[in-house]
Amino acid sequence: MKTISLKDYGKVLFIIILTAFIYVSYKIISPFVGAILAAMVLAIVAYPLHKKLDNKIRKETLSALLVTLFVVLLITIPALFFSNTLLHEAITIHNSIGTMDFHTPSERLKEMTGLNIEFDRYVKETVKEASNFFIRSSSDMIRFLATGFVHLFTTFFIMFFFLRDGKGILREIRKSLPLSEYQKTRLFKGTVDKINGIFLGFLALGIAEFIAAFIGFSIGGIENALLWSLIIAIFAYIPLLGPAAVWAPSVIYLFITGKTGQAIFIAIYFILVLSFYMDNILRAQLIKKTAKINPIISLLGIFGGILLFGIVGLIIGPLILSLFVLLYKLYMEEKEENVET
């Protein structure tokens, strides 16, 4: 019977200790996984700017700091401005509910349906709830920027180090991967290309939906077309809800208030341009063209990514699935080469 030596006991003990440290380390950083992933995405997207600036000033730390500060301002200033504008608009609507006259729409609805529906009370309650929702949403966004300072700071702090020390980090990761140099190059290049592609695809989609919505709302005579177009651009990234959650209620209201022509125009315009073309055809085309990701993988990645990682999952979800496909292809290529030899 073979006896277990002291050396073997030492190996087992080392593995146990290592496993314990890995588990504890994971528990420590798990609350910041979203921040780390967001920092990685931002660093990869902003790296070309950092590289260009570093080539001019020849100070990598200063370049990384300036680029990080630029990204901080680029994200926080529009977010604060949008939250403040949305909050102001919601408060205005909320305060004006009492002076709104819903008698004519109520009579019109009764004529159309033959039902004695208390439209006055229903609409006032609905508009009030909607305005309360936007007030809460705006307040929550402002509160998030205040109370979520730790996560925001962590994201930008990590981003700074990813920019400054990115080459060294990638070098160490390359060393640890049990892949050939060719496979490592394809994997790293694929990761960068897909992150940039997904980011640019989503950015282009948001801009396109904002412009299309602004044109539709302006022609349709909707007040505050700029604000509602911005909201639609944000809703464009939310699965299931989408821009229809913004424009559909306006169509219903216009139709009931007697503005049938405007209601029909906005309904047809937004159904064809946004819901049919942009949300389905253009979204898939952009992701496929910019990131070279199959539309099915993109859709599953977005839904699963948001559930697992939150808002950063919009990019991380499709990225992980597409990298899984890439790794599978690399594995099959190596397997075929081994069979041939």
Protein backbone atom coordinates (compact mmCIF):
# COMPACT_ATOMS: atom_id res chain seq x y z
CA MET A 1 0.00 0.00 0.00
CA LYS A 2 1.41 3.35 -1.05
CA THR A 3 1.85 5.87 1.76
CA ILE A 4 1.22 9.58 1.30
CA SER A 5 4.40 11.56 1.83
CA LEU A 6 4.74 14.84 3.68
CA LYS A 7 5.39 16.49 0.32
CA ASP A 8 2.01 15.30 -0.98
CA TYR A 9 0.31 16.66 2.15
CA GLY A 10 2.01 19.99 1.45
CA LYS A 11 0.62 20.07 -2.10
CA VAL A 12 -2.90 19.29 -0.87
CA LEU A 13 -2.63 21.97 1.81
CA PHE A 14 -1.37 24.48 -0.74
CA ILE A 15 -4.31 23.74 -3.07
CA ILE A 16 -6.78 24.14 -0.18
CA ILE A 17 -5.25 27.47 0.88
CA LEU A 18 -5.12 28.69 -2.73
CA THR A 19 -8.77 27.73 -3.27
CA ALA A 20 -9.76 29.54 -0.07
CA PHE A 21 -7.91 32.69 -1.15
CA ILE A 22 -9.49 32.55 -4.62
CA TYR A 23 -12.97 32.24 -3.06
CA VAL A 24 -12.40 35.09 -0.57
CA SER A 25 -10.87 37.28 -3.28
CA TYR A 26 -13.90 36.65 -5.48
CA LYS A 27 -16.27 37.60 -2.65
CA ILE A 28 -14.31 40.82 -2.10
CA ILE A 29 -14.40 41.95 -5.73
CA SER A 30 -17.83 40.51 -6.68
CA PRO A 31 -19.71 43.74 -5.76
CA PHE A 32 -17.46 45.57 -8.22
CA VAL A 33 -17.61 43.15 -11.17
CA GLY A 34 -19.88 45.56 -13.05
CA ALA A 35 -17.51 48.45 -12.37
CA ILE A 36 -14.51 46.41 -13.52
CA LEU A 37 -16.23 45.34 -16.74
CA ALA A 38 -17.43 48.90 -17.40
CA ALA A 39 -13.89 50.19 -16.82
CA MET A 40 -12.52 47.60 -19.24
CA VAL A 41 -15.00 48.63 -21.95
CA LEU A 42 -14.35 52.35 -21.44
CA ALA A 43 -10.57 51.82 -21.42
CA ILE A 44 -10.62 49.84 -24.68
CA VAL A 45 -12.87 52.39 -26.39
CA ALA A 46 -10.79 55.35 -25.11
CA TYR A 47 -7.39 53.71 -25.69
CA PRO A 48 -6.83 55.16 -29.21
CA LEU A 49 -7.29 58.67 -27.78
CA HIS A 50 -4.88 57.84 -24.92
CA LYS A 51 -2.30 56.48 -27.36
CA LYS A 52 -2.54 59.56 -29.60
CA LEU A 53 -2.23 61.93 -26.63
CA ASP A 54 0.66 59.93 -25.13
CA ASN A 55 2.58 60.14 -28.42
CA LYS A 56 2.34 63.95 -28.20
CA ILE A 57 3.08 64.63 -24.52
CA ARG A 58 5.27 61.54 -23.87
CA LYS A 59 3.86 61.09 -20.35
CA GLU A 60 1.70 57.97 -20.08
CA THR A 61 0.38 58.65 -16.57
CA LEU A 62 -0.67 62.21 -17.42
CA SER A 63 -2.21 61.06 -20.69
CA ALA A 64 -4.23 58.34 -18.93
CA LEU A 65 -5.38 60.84 -16.29
CA LEU A 66 -6.48 63.44 -18.86
CA VAL A 67 -8.37 60.88 -20.95
CA THR A 68 -10.08 59.48 -17.84
CA LEU A 69 -11.14 62.98 -16.75
CA PHE A 70 -12.45 63.65 -20.25
CA VAL A 71 -14.58 60.47 -20.13
CA VAL A 72 -15.84 61.39 -16.63
CA LEU A 73 -17.04 64.77 -17.89
CA LEU A 74 -18.43 63.26 -21.09
CA ILE A 75 -20.64 60.88 -19.08
CA THR A 76 -21.60 62.81 -15.93
CA ILE A 77 -22.38 66.27 -17.39
CA PRO A 78 -24.98 65.04 -19.96
CA ALA A 79 -26.46 62.67 -17.33
CA LEU A 80 -26.92 65.49 -14.82
CA PHE A 81 -28.29 67.84 -17.49
CA PHE A 82 -30.74 65.23 -18.78
CA SER A 83 -31.89 64.32 -15.25
CA ASN A 84 -32.46 67.96 -14.37
CA THR A 85 -34.38 68.64 -17.61
CA LEU A 86 -36.54 65.54 -17.22
CA LEU A 87 -37.26 66.34 -13.58
CA HIS A 88 -38.25 69.94 -14.44
CA GLU A 89 -40.55 68.76 -17.25
CA ALA A 90 -42.20 66.12 -15.06
CA ILE A 91 -42.82 68.65 -12.27
CA THR A 92 -44.37 71.07 -14.79
CA ILE A 93 -46.73 68.38 -16.10
CA HIS A 94 -47.55 67.26 -12.56
CA ASN A 95 -48.43 70.80 -11.45
CA SER A 96 -50.56 71.51 -14.54
CA ILE A 97 -52.78 68.43 -14.23
CA GLY A 98 -55.36 70.31 -12.18
CA THR A 99 -55.89 72.88 -14.95
CA MET A 100 -56.20 70.38 -17.80
CA ASP A 101 -59.64 70.04 -19.43
CA PHE A 102 -60.47 66.41 -20.21
CA HIS A 103 -64.21 66.92 -20.73
CA THR A 104 -64.10 66.96 -24.56
CA PRO A 105 -61.91 63.82 -24.82
CA SER A 106 -64.24 62.10 -22.36
CA GLU A 107 -67.30 62.87 -24.48
CA ARG A 108 -65.44 61.80 -27.63
CA LEU A 109 -64.50 58.47 -26.07
CA LYS A 110 -68.10 57.85 -25.02
CA GLU A 111 -69.25 58.50 -28.60
CA MET A 112 -66.64 56.14 -30.01
CA THR A 113 -67.22 53.25 -27.60
CA GLY A 114 -70.75 53.79 -26.32
CA LEU A 115 -69.43 53.19 -22.83
CA ASN A 116 -69.76 55.54 -19.88
CA ILE A 117 -66.06 55.72 -19.07
CA GLU A 118 -64.85 58.25 -16.51
CA PHE A 119 -62.08 59.37 -18.81
CA ASP A 120 -61.51 62.63 -16.94
CA ARG A 121 -60.53 60.92 -13.71
CA TYR A 122 -58.69 58.07 -15.43
CA VAL A 123 -56.47 60.31 -17.55
CA LYS A 124 -55.68 62.65 -14.67
CA GLU A 125 -54.63 59.69 -12.53
CA THR A 126 -52.61 58.16 -15.39
CA VAL A 127 -50.82 61.41 -16.26
CA LYS A 128 -50.16 62.03 -12.58
CA GLU A 129 -48.70 58.54 -12.13
CA ALA A 130 -46.59 58.96 -15.28
CA SER A 131 -45.25 62.32 -14.12
CA ASN A 132 -44.56 60.85 -10.67
CA PHE A 133 -42.66 58.02 -12.35
CA PHE A 134 -40.48 60.46 -14.30
CA ILE A 135 -39.92 62.53 -11.16
CA ARG A 136 -38.84 59.40 -9.30
CA SER A 137 -36.69 58.26 -12.23
CA SER A 138 -34.96 61.64 -12.48
CA SER A 139 -34.49 61.80 -8.73
CA ASP A 140 -33.18 58.22 -8.71
CA MET A 141 -30.67 59.09 -11.45
CA ILE A 142 -29.44 62.11 -9.51
CA ARG A 143 -29.39 60.06 -6.30
CA PHE A 144 -27.47 57.31 -8.09
CA LEU A 145 -24.84 59.78 -9.22
CA ALA A 146 -24.56 60.95 -5.60
CA THR A 147 -24.91 57.73 -3.57
CA GLY A 148 -23.31 55.57 -6.27
CA PHE A 149 -20.15 57.64 -6.13
CA VAL A 150 -18.15 54.64 -4.88
CA HIS A 151 -19.01 52.55 -7.94
CA LEU A 152 -18.49 55.46 -10.31
CA PHE A 153 -15.18 56.30 -8.68
CA THR A 154 -14.16 52.63 -8.82
CA THR A 155 -15.03 52.43 -12.52
CA PHE A 156 -13.04 55.52 -13.48
CA PHE A 157 -10.20 54.66 -11.09
CA ILE A 158 -9.81 51.20 -12.64
CA MET A 159 -10.17 52.70 -16.10
CA PHE A 160 -7.22 55.00 -15.38
CA PHE A 161 -5.00 52.03 -14.47
CA PHE A 162 -6.23 50.00 -17.44
CA LEU A 163 -5.17 52.87 -19.69
CA ARG A 164 -1.84 53.46 -17.98
CA ASP A 165 -0.83 49.84 -17.31
CA GLY A 166 -2.86 48.13 -20.04
CA LYS A 167 0.15 46.87 -21.96
CA GLY A 168 1.67 45.25 -18.88
CA ILE A 169 -1.66 43.70 -17.84
CA LEU A 170 -2.19 42.24 -21.31
CA ARG A 171 1.37 40.92 -21.37
CA GLU A 172 0.82 39.02 -18.10
CA ILE A 173 -2.53 37.67 -19.30
CA ARG A 174 -0.95 36.48 -22.56
CA LYS A 175 1.74 34.62 -20.60
CA SER A 176 -0.84 32.79 -18.49
CA LEU A 177 -3.04 31.62 -21.38
CA PRO A 178 -2.39 28.03 -22.57
CA LEU A 179 -2.75 29.01 -26.22
CA SER A 180 -0.42 29.45 -29.16
CA GLU A 181 0.75 32.95 -30.06
CA TYR A 182 -1.48 32.90 -33.13
CA GLN A 183 -4.52 31.98 -31.02
CA LYS A 184 -3.68 34.62 -28.40
CA THR A 185 -3.40 37.30 -31.08
CA ARG A 186 -6.74 36.34 -32.61
CA LEU A 187 -8.41 36.24 -29.19
CA PHE A 188 -7.10 39.64 -28.05
CA LYS A 189 -7.73 41.31 -31.41
CA GLY A 190 -11.21 39.79 -31.51
CA THR A 191 -12.00 41.12 -28.03
CA VAL A 192 -10.91 44.67 -28.85
CA ASP A 193 -12.62 44.67 -32.25
CA LYS A 194 -15.90 43.35 -30.86
CA ILE A 195 -16.01 45.77 -27.91
CA ASN A 196 -15.37 48.72 -30.23
CA GLY A 197 -17.84 47.36 -32.75
CA ILE A 198 -20.63 46.78 -30.21
CA PHE A 199 -20.05 50.19 -28.63
CA LEU A 200 -20.09 51.99 -31.98
CA GLY A 201 -23.13 50.00 -33.10
CA PHE A 202 -25.16 50.95 -30.03
CA LEU A 203 -23.99 54.56 -30.23
CA ALA A 204 -24.99 54.78 -33.90
CA LEU A 205 -28.38 53.21 -33.13
CA GLY A 206 -29.08 55.70 -30.33
CA ILE A 207 -28.14 58.67 -32.51
CA ALA A 208 -30.23 57.36 -35.43
CA GLU A 209 -33.29 56.79 -33.23
CA PHE A 210 -32.88 60.23 -31.64
CA ILE A 211 -32.80 61.95 -35.04
CA ALA A 212 -35.71 59.88 -36.39
CA ALA A 213 -37.80 60.50 -33.26
CA PHE A 214 -37.07 64.24 -33.32
CA ILE A 215 -38.19 64.45 -36.97
CA GLY A 216 -41.36 62.49 -36.22
CA PHE A 217 -42.28 64.46 -33.10
CA SER A 218 -41.53 67.79 -34.79
CA ILE A 219 -43.68 67.03 -37.85
CA GLY A 220 -46.38 65.61 -35.58
CA GLY A 221 -46.48 68.82 -33.56
CA ILE A 222 -45.47 67.27 -30.22
CA GLU A 223 -44.22 69.80 -27.66
CA ASN A 224 -40.73 69.32 -26.19
CA ALA A 225 -39.75 67.12 -29.14
CA LEU A 226 -36.07 67.33 -28.18
CA LEU A 227 -36.67 65.99 -24.66
CA TRP A 228 -38.91 63.11 -25.77
CA SER A 229 -36.44 62.22 -28.54
CA LEU A 230 -33.67 61.96 -25.94
CA ILE A 231 -35.87 59.67 -23.84
CA ILE A 232 -36.56 57.50 -26.89
CA ALA A 233 -32.80 57.27 -27.59
CA ILE A 234 -32.32 55.93 -24.05
CA PHE A 235 -35.27 53.52 -24.29
CA ALA A 236 -33.74 52.18 -27.52
CA TYR A 237 -31.27 50.24 -25.34
CA ILE A 238 -33.93 48.69 -23.10
CA PRO A 239 -35.15 45.28 -24.32
CA LEU A 240 -38.92 44.59 -24.42
CA LEU A 241 -39.91 48.20 -23.62
CA GLY A 242 -38.09 50.08 -26.36
CA PRO A 243 -39.14 53.44 -27.86
CA ALA A 244 -42.79 52.30 -28.09
CA ALA A 245 -43.08 52.88 -24.34
CA VAL A 246 -42.61 56.59 -25.10
CA TRP A 247 -44.41 57.24 -28.40
CA ALA A 248 -47.42 54.89 -27.99
CA PRO A 249 -49.01 56.86 -25.09
CA SER A 250 -48.67 60.10 -27.10
CA VAL A 251 -50.53 58.49 -30.02
CA ILE A 252 -53.38 57.38 -27.75
CA TYR A 253 -53.67 60.83 -26.19
CA LEU A 254 -53.62 62.65 -29.55
CA PHE A 255 -56.28 60.36 -30.97
CA ILE A 256 -58.64 60.75 -28.00
CA THR A 257 -58.19 64.52 -27.87
CA GLY A 258 -59.39 64.81 -31.46
CA LYS A 259 -56.00 65.26 -33.15
CA THR A 260 -56.62 62.23 -35.35
CA GLY A 261 -54.33 63.28 -38.21
CA GLN A 262 -51.36 63.80 -35.90
CA ALA A 263 -52.07 60.53 -34.10
CA ILE A 264 -52.24 58.52 -37.33
CA PHE A 265 -49.06 60.12 -38.70
CA ILE A 266 -47.04 59.50 -35.51
CA ALA A 267 -48.36 55.93 -35.21
CA ILE A 268 -47.49 55.01 -38.82
CA TYR A 269 -44.16 56.87 -38.73
CA PHE A 270 -42.92 55.33 -35.49
CA ILE A 271 -44.20 51.82 -36.27
CA LEU A 272 -42.48 51.76 -39.67
CA VAL A 273 -39.33 53.79 -38.97
CA LEU A 274 -38.49 52.96 -35.34
CA SER A 275 -40.29 49.77 -34.30
CA PHE A 276 -39.99 47.90 -37.61
CA TYR A 277 -36.86 49.22 -39.30
CA MET A 278 -34.55 50.58 -36.59
CA ASP A 279 -35.39 48.25 -33.69
CA ASN A 280 -35.24 45.13 -35.85
CA ILE A 281 -33.43 45.53 -39.16
CA LEU A 282 -31.02 48.42 -38.45
CA ARG A 283 -30.02 47.16 -34.97
CA ALA A 284 -29.09 43.72 -36.34
CA GLN A 285 -27.29 45.24 -39.35
CA LEU A 286 -25.26 47.64 -37.20
CA ILE A 287 -24.13 44.97 -34.72
CA LYS A 288 -23.38 42.52 -37.53
CA LYS A 289 -21.45 45.12 -39.53
CA THR A 290 -19.53 46.86 -36.72
CA ALA A 291 -18.87 43.87 -34.44
CA LYS A 292 -19.44 40.96 -36.86
CA ILE A 293 -21.78 39.25 -34.37
CA ASN A 294 -24.68 37.02 -35.37
CA PRO A 295 -28.03 38.76 -34.60
CA ILE A 296 -29.23 35.79 -32.51
CA ILE A 297 -26.08 35.86 -30.38
CA SER A 298 -26.42 39.62 -30.06
CA LEU A 299 -30.05 39.38 -28.89
CA LEU A 300 -29.39 36.58 -26.38
CA GLY A 301 -26.28 38.38 -25.15
CA ILE A 302 -28.16 41.63 -24.56
CA PHE A 303 -31.00 39.99 -22.60
CA GLY A 304 -28.75 37.71 -20.55
CA GLY A 305 -26.07 40.36 -20.09
CA ILE A 306 -28.49 42.90 -18.62
CA LEU A 307 -29.93 40.29 -16.21
CA LEU A 308 -26.45 39.25 -15.07
CA PHE A 309 -24.38 42.46 -15.19
CA GLY A 310 -26.88 45.31 -15.33
CA ILE A 311 -26.62 48.08 -17.92
CA VAL A 312 -23.00 47.20 -18.80
CA GLY A 313 -24.38 43.81 -19.89
CA LEU A 314 -25.58 45.50 -23.09
CA ILE A 315 -21.98 45.25 -24.30
CA ILE A 316 -20.55 42.49 -22.10
CA GLY A 317 -23.32 39.97 -22.87
CA PRO A 318 -22.87 39.88 -26.66
CA LEU A 319 -19.09 40.11 -26.17
CA ILE A 320 -18.90 37.01 -23.95
CA LEU A 321 -21.07 34.93 -26.28
CA SER A 322 -19.16 36.04 -29.37
CA LEU A 323 -15.82 35.26 -27.68
CA PHE A 324 -17.16 31.83 -26.75
CA VAL A 325 -17.89 31.25 -30.45
CA LEU A 326 -14.38 32.49 -31.32
CA LEU A 327 -12.77 30.14 -28.77
CA TYR A 328 -14.82 27.26 -30.15
CA LYS A 329 -13.59 28.07 -33.67
CA LEU A 330 -9.98 28.18 -32.45
CA TYR A 331 -10.45 24.82 -30.74
CA MET A 332 -11.94 23.23 -33.88
CA GLU A 333 -9.14 24.66 -36.04
CA GLU A 334 -6.51 23.17 -33.74
CA LYS A 335 -8.36 19.86 -33.65
CA GLU A 336 -8.45 19.70 -37.45
CA GLU A 337 -4.72 20.49 -37.63
CA ASN A 338 -3.95 17.67 -35.17
CA VAL A 339 -6.04 15.23 -37.21
CA GLU A 340 -4.20 16.19 -40.42
CA THR A 341 -0.79 15.70 -38.79
